[in-house]
């Protein structure tokens, strides 16, 4: 798969705009042999993986659905700052897709923080 026009050439700089081929299209199956479980959304996630997620996949977007995500400019700028900060703490490059997904999972684990931010925006306003 080639680079998109205007791409930086950085394989870690995925912003989820390019759709990866599915297993059905490529005929390549995952090498994962661990048990799997199905969460409340019907998504299968390994319960006892042999390798961490980033080492089990063959592509950054493997197993992910592309979801339209609209952000205001200051939020988009903050996303780049977050990625830089996370990379600094981890000492390695992190694909934008991984930072976004991790941030979403943190938000899902902290719904009170999400609700508080939405209240700042005017939700639950009386």
Protein backbone atom coordinates (compact mmCIF):
# COMPACT_ATOMS: atom_id res chain seq x y z
CA UNK A 1 0.00 0.00 0.00
CA UNK A 2 1.50 3.34 -1.00
CA UNK A 3 1.48 6.70 0.68
CA UNK A 4 -1.38 9.08 0.19
CA UNK A 5 -0.70 12.27 -1.67
CA UNK A 6 0.54 14.86 0.78
CA UNK A 7 1.54 12.24 3.32
CA UNK A 8 4.54 13.01 5.49
CA UNK A 9 6.00 9.58 4.84
CA UNK A 10 6.00 8.80 8.56
CA UNK A 11 4.40 5.32 8.96
CA UNK A 12 3.42 6.30 12.52
CA UNK A 13 1.54 9.40 11.38
CA UNK A 14 -1.75 7.69 10.64
CA UNK A 15 -4.75 9.91 11.08
CA UNK A 16 -7.22 7.13 10.22
CA UNK A 17 -8.07 8.61 6.83
CA UNK A 18 -6.58 5.73 4.88
CA UNK A 19 -8.53 2.49 5.03
CA UNK A 20 -6.43 -0.64 5.41
CA UNK A 21 -7.25 -3.87 3.60
CA UNK A 22 -9.26 -6.36 5.64
CA UNK A 23 -8.24 -9.93 6.42
CA UNK A 24 -10.83 -11.16 3.92
CA UNK A 25 -9.28 -9.06 1.15
CA UNK A 26 -5.68 -10.04 1.86
CA UNK A 27 -6.20 -13.63 2.95
CA UNK A 28 -3.83 -13.00 5.85
CA UNK A 29 -4.97 -14.19 9.23
CA UNK A 30 -3.84 -12.95 12.60
CA UNK A 31 -1.22 -15.05 14.38
CA UNK A 32 -3.01 -14.47 17.67
CA UNK A 33 -3.89 -17.74 19.39
CA UNK A 34 -5.00 -16.39 22.74
CA UNK A 35 -8.48 -16.70 24.18
CA UNK A 36 -10.89 -13.97 23.18
CA UNK A 37 -13.88 -12.41 24.86
CA UNK A 38 -16.73 -10.32 23.54
CA UNK A 39 -17.42 -7.01 25.26
CA UNK A 40 -20.80 -5.27 25.63
CA UNK A 41 -20.52 -3.73 22.17
CA UNK A 42 -19.95 -7.12 20.52
CA UNK A 43 -16.28 -6.37 19.89
CA UNK A 44 -13.89 -9.27 20.29
CA UNK A 45 -10.86 -8.43 22.39
CA UNK A 46 -8.22 -10.89 23.59
CA UNK A 47 -8.57 -11.68 27.27
CA UNK A 48 -5.18 -13.35 27.66
CA UNK A 49 -2.97 -12.10 24.82
CA UNK A 50 0.43 -13.68 24.33
CA UNK A 51 1.91 -10.39 23.07
CA UNK A 52 0.95 -6.75 23.73
CA UNK A 53 -1.46 -5.29 21.19
CA UNK A 54 1.11 -3.28 19.20
CA UNK A 55 3.22 -6.40 18.67
CA UNK A 56 0.32 -8.67 17.62
CA UNK A 57 -0.86 -6.51 14.74
CA UNK A 58 0.69 -6.31 11.30
CA UNK A 59 -0.68 -2.80 10.53
CA UNK A 60 -1.61 0.18 12.70
CA UNK A 61 -5.27 0.03 11.63
CA UNK A 62 -5.62 -3.75 11.86
CA UNK A 63 -8.88 -4.68 13.58
CA UNK A 64 -10.08 -1.08 13.74
CA UNK A 65 -13.10 0.51 12.11
CA UNK A 66 -12.70 3.92 10.55
CA UNK A 67 -14.98 6.41 12.31
CA UNK A 68 -15.55 10.01 11.19
CA UNK A 69 -14.30 12.30 13.92
CA UNK A 70 -14.80 16.06 13.72
CA UNK A 71 -12.66 18.30 15.91
CA UNK A 72 -12.38 22.04 16.40
CA UNK A 73 -8.97 23.53 15.57
CA UNK A 74 -7.78 23.99 19.14
CA UNK A 75 -8.71 20.38 19.94
CA UNK A 76 -6.84 19.15 16.87
CA UNK A 77 -3.80 21.19 17.93
CA UNK A 78 -4.07 19.73 21.41
CA UNK A 79 -4.12 16.24 19.95
CA UNK A 80 -0.69 16.85 18.42
CA UNK A 81 0.55 18.21 21.77
CA UNK A 82 -0.85 15.15 23.58
CA UNK A 83 0.86 12.81 21.15
CA UNK A 84 4.18 14.63 21.61
CA UNK A 85 3.85 14.44 25.40
CA UNK A 86 2.94 10.75 25.35
CA UNK A 87 5.86 9.97 23.04
CA UNK A 88 8.14 11.85 25.43
CA UNK A 89 6.95 9.79 28.38
CA UNK A 90 7.21 6.49 26.51
CA UNK A 91 10.44 7.33 24.73
CA UNK A 92 9.20 6.12 21.35
CA UNK A 93 6.97 7.08 18.44
CA UNK A 94 3.27 6.35 18.86
CA UNK A 95 0.82 6.22 15.94
CA UNK A 96 -1.89 8.86 16.12
CA UNK A 97 -4.48 6.06 15.93
CA UNK A 98 -3.13 4.52 19.13
CA UNK A 99 -3.15 7.85 20.98
CA UNK A 100 -6.74 8.51 19.87
CA UNK A 101 -7.94 5.05 20.85
CA UNK A 102 -6.15 5.17 24.22
CA UNK A 103 -7.65 8.61 24.92
CA UNK A 104 -11.12 7.28 24.10
CA UNK A 105 -10.64 4.31 26.43
CA UNK A 106 -9.45 6.61 29.24
CA UNK A 107 -12.55 8.74 28.67
CA UNK A 108 -14.77 5.66 28.77
CA UNK A 109 -13.19 4.69 32.09
CA UNK A 110 -13.75 8.22 33.45
CA UNK A 111 -17.24 9.24 32.42
CA UNK A 112 -17.45 11.77 35.26
CA UNK A 113 -14.61 13.76 33.67
CA UNK A 114 -16.38 13.63 30.30
CA UNK A 115 -19.65 14.78 31.88
CA UNK A 116 -17.83 17.61 33.66
CA UNK A 117 -16.33 18.84 30.37
CA UNK A 118 -19.76 18.67 28.69
CA UNK A 119 -21.22 20.73 31.55
CA UNK A 120 -18.52 23.35 30.88
CA UNK A 121 -19.80 23.43 27.29
CA UNK A 122 -23.37 24.03 28.45
CA UNK A 123 -24.93 20.60 28.83
CA UNK A 124 -27.15 20.22 31.90
CA UNK A 125 -27.47 24.01 31.90
CA UNK A 126 -30.44 25.44 33.75
